Amino acid sequence: MSFVSFPTDPNIMNDTQLSNLKSNYVEMILDGMDMKTMEALVYDMLIESYELYSEDEMKEEILSDYDEEMLESLMPADISELEATAPDYGVGK
């Protein structure tokens, strides 16, 4: 025997009402944020969304919005390049 639930309780919101509640709440949160806090939130959300991307997926993402030159400028410096340009202080070489 299965029971089907019908929203007959007047205190239960429909999908549109719930969506509006969420939207109002987000707007209230944003209104209370300064620019630095908002930047930090967006940074964290973007980092989290890209966390599972492979190297190829990340490169494709960058190339879909920008060009090869931008991708190259964002690539981390090769460690051997850093060593070649670092001054020799006689430590660690």
Protein backbone atom coordinates (compact mmCIF):
# COMPACT_ATOMS: atom_id res chain seq x y z
CA MET A 1 0.00 0.00 0.00
CA SER A 2 1.46 3.37 -0.93
CA PHE A 3 0.43 6.80 0.16
CA VAL A 4 0.36 9.78 -2.17
CA SER A 5 0.85 13.09 -0.50
CA PHE A 6 -1.21 16.06 -1.66
CA PRO A 7 -0.22 19.54 -0.51
CA THR A 8 -3.42 20.44 1.30
CA ASP A 9 -1.69 22.24 4.18
CA PRO A 10 -2.01 26.00 3.55
CA ASN A 11 1.40 26.48 5.20
CA ILE A 12 3.18 24.46 2.49
CA MET A 13 4.55 26.57 -0.36
CA ASN A 14 4.23 25.64 -4.00
CA ASP A 15 7.33 25.57 -6.22
CA THR A 16 6.93 29.19 -7.32
CA GLN A 17 6.54 30.45 -3.76
CA LEU A 18 9.59 28.47 -2.62
CA SER A 19 11.60 29.82 -5.54
CA ASN A 20 10.57 33.37 -4.62
CA LEU A 21 11.52 32.78 -0.98
CA LYS A 22 14.97 31.58 -2.04
CA SER A 23 15.41 34.54 -4.37
CA ASN A 24 14.38 37.03 -1.68
CA TYR A 25 16.76 35.41 0.81
CA VAL A 26 19.69 35.55 -1.63
CA GLU A 27 18.96 39.21 -2.41
CA MET A 28 18.90 40.01 1.31
CA ILE A 29 22.25 38.26 1.83
CA LEU A 30 23.82 40.10 -1.12
CA ASP A 31 22.48 43.46 0.04
CA GLY A 32 24.25 42.94 3.36
CA MET A 33 27.64 42.12 1.81
CA ASP A 34 30.46 44.49 1.04
CA MET A 35 32.44 44.07 -2.19
CA LYS A 36 35.35 42.19 -0.55
CA THR A 37 33.02 39.63 1.01
CA MET A 38 31.17 39.18 -2.28
CA GLU A 39 34.47 38.69 -4.13
CA ALA A 40 35.55 36.06 -1.61
CA LEU A 41 32.25 34.22 -1.95
CA VAL A 42 32.41 34.20 -5.76
CA TYR A 43 36.07 33.10 -5.66
CA ASP A 44 35.25 30.19 -3.34
CA MET A 45 32.28 29.13 -5.47
CA LEU A 46 34.32 29.20 -8.69
CA ILE A 47 37.24 27.31 -7.15
CA GLU A 48 34.80 24.68 -5.88
CA SER A 49 33.11 24.36 -9.27
CA TYR A 50 36.46 23.83 -11.06
CA GLU A 51 37.91 21.49 -8.42
CA LEU A 52 36.96 18.27 -10.23
CA TYR A 53 38.01 19.47 -13.72
CA SER A 54 40.85 17.58 -15.34
CA GLU A 55 43.70 19.49 -16.99
CA ASP A 56 42.08 19.07 -20.42
CA GLU A 57 38.66 20.17 -19.17
CA MET A 58 40.17 23.25 -17.53
CA LYS A 59 42.00 24.21 -20.71
CA GLU A 60 38.82 23.71 -22.76
CA GLU A 61 36.89 25.92 -20.34
CA ILE A 62 39.42 28.74 -20.69
CA LEU A 63 39.60 28.40 -24.47
CA SER A 64 35.80 28.46 -24.78
CA ASP A 65 35.72 31.97 -23.28
CA TYR A 66 39.16 33.32 -24.19
CA ASP A 67 41.97 32.58 -26.62
CA GLU A 68 45.21 30.59 -26.67
CA GLU A 69 47.19 33.65 -25.56
CA MET A 70 45.08 33.98 -22.41
CA LEU A 71 45.49 30.26 -21.67
CA GLU A 72 49.27 30.59 -21.99
CA SER A 73 49.33 33.62 -19.69
CA LEU A 74 47.40 31.69 -17.02
CA MET A 75 49.62 28.61 -17.14
CA PRO A 76 51.81 28.16 -14.05
CA ALA A 77 55.51 28.75 -14.58
CA ASP A 78 57.56 25.61 -15.04
CA ILE A 79 59.77 24.94 -12.02
CA SER A 80 62.84 24.53 -14.23
CA GLU A 81 62.16 28.01 -15.69
CA LEU A 82 62.02 29.41 -12.16
CA GLU A 83 65.31 27.79 -11.24
CA ALA A 84 66.98 29.08 -14.41
CA THR A 85 66.00 32.67 -13.62
CA ALA A 86 66.58 32.57 -9.86
CA PRO A 87 69.72 34.22 -8.50
CA ASP A 88 72.36 31.77 -7.32
CA TYR A 89 72.93 32.31 -3.63
CA GLY A 90 74.76 29.02 -3.29
CA VAL A 91 71.91 27.40 -1.40
CA GLY A 92 70.04 24.40 -2.71
CA LYS A 93 71.77 24.19 -6.08
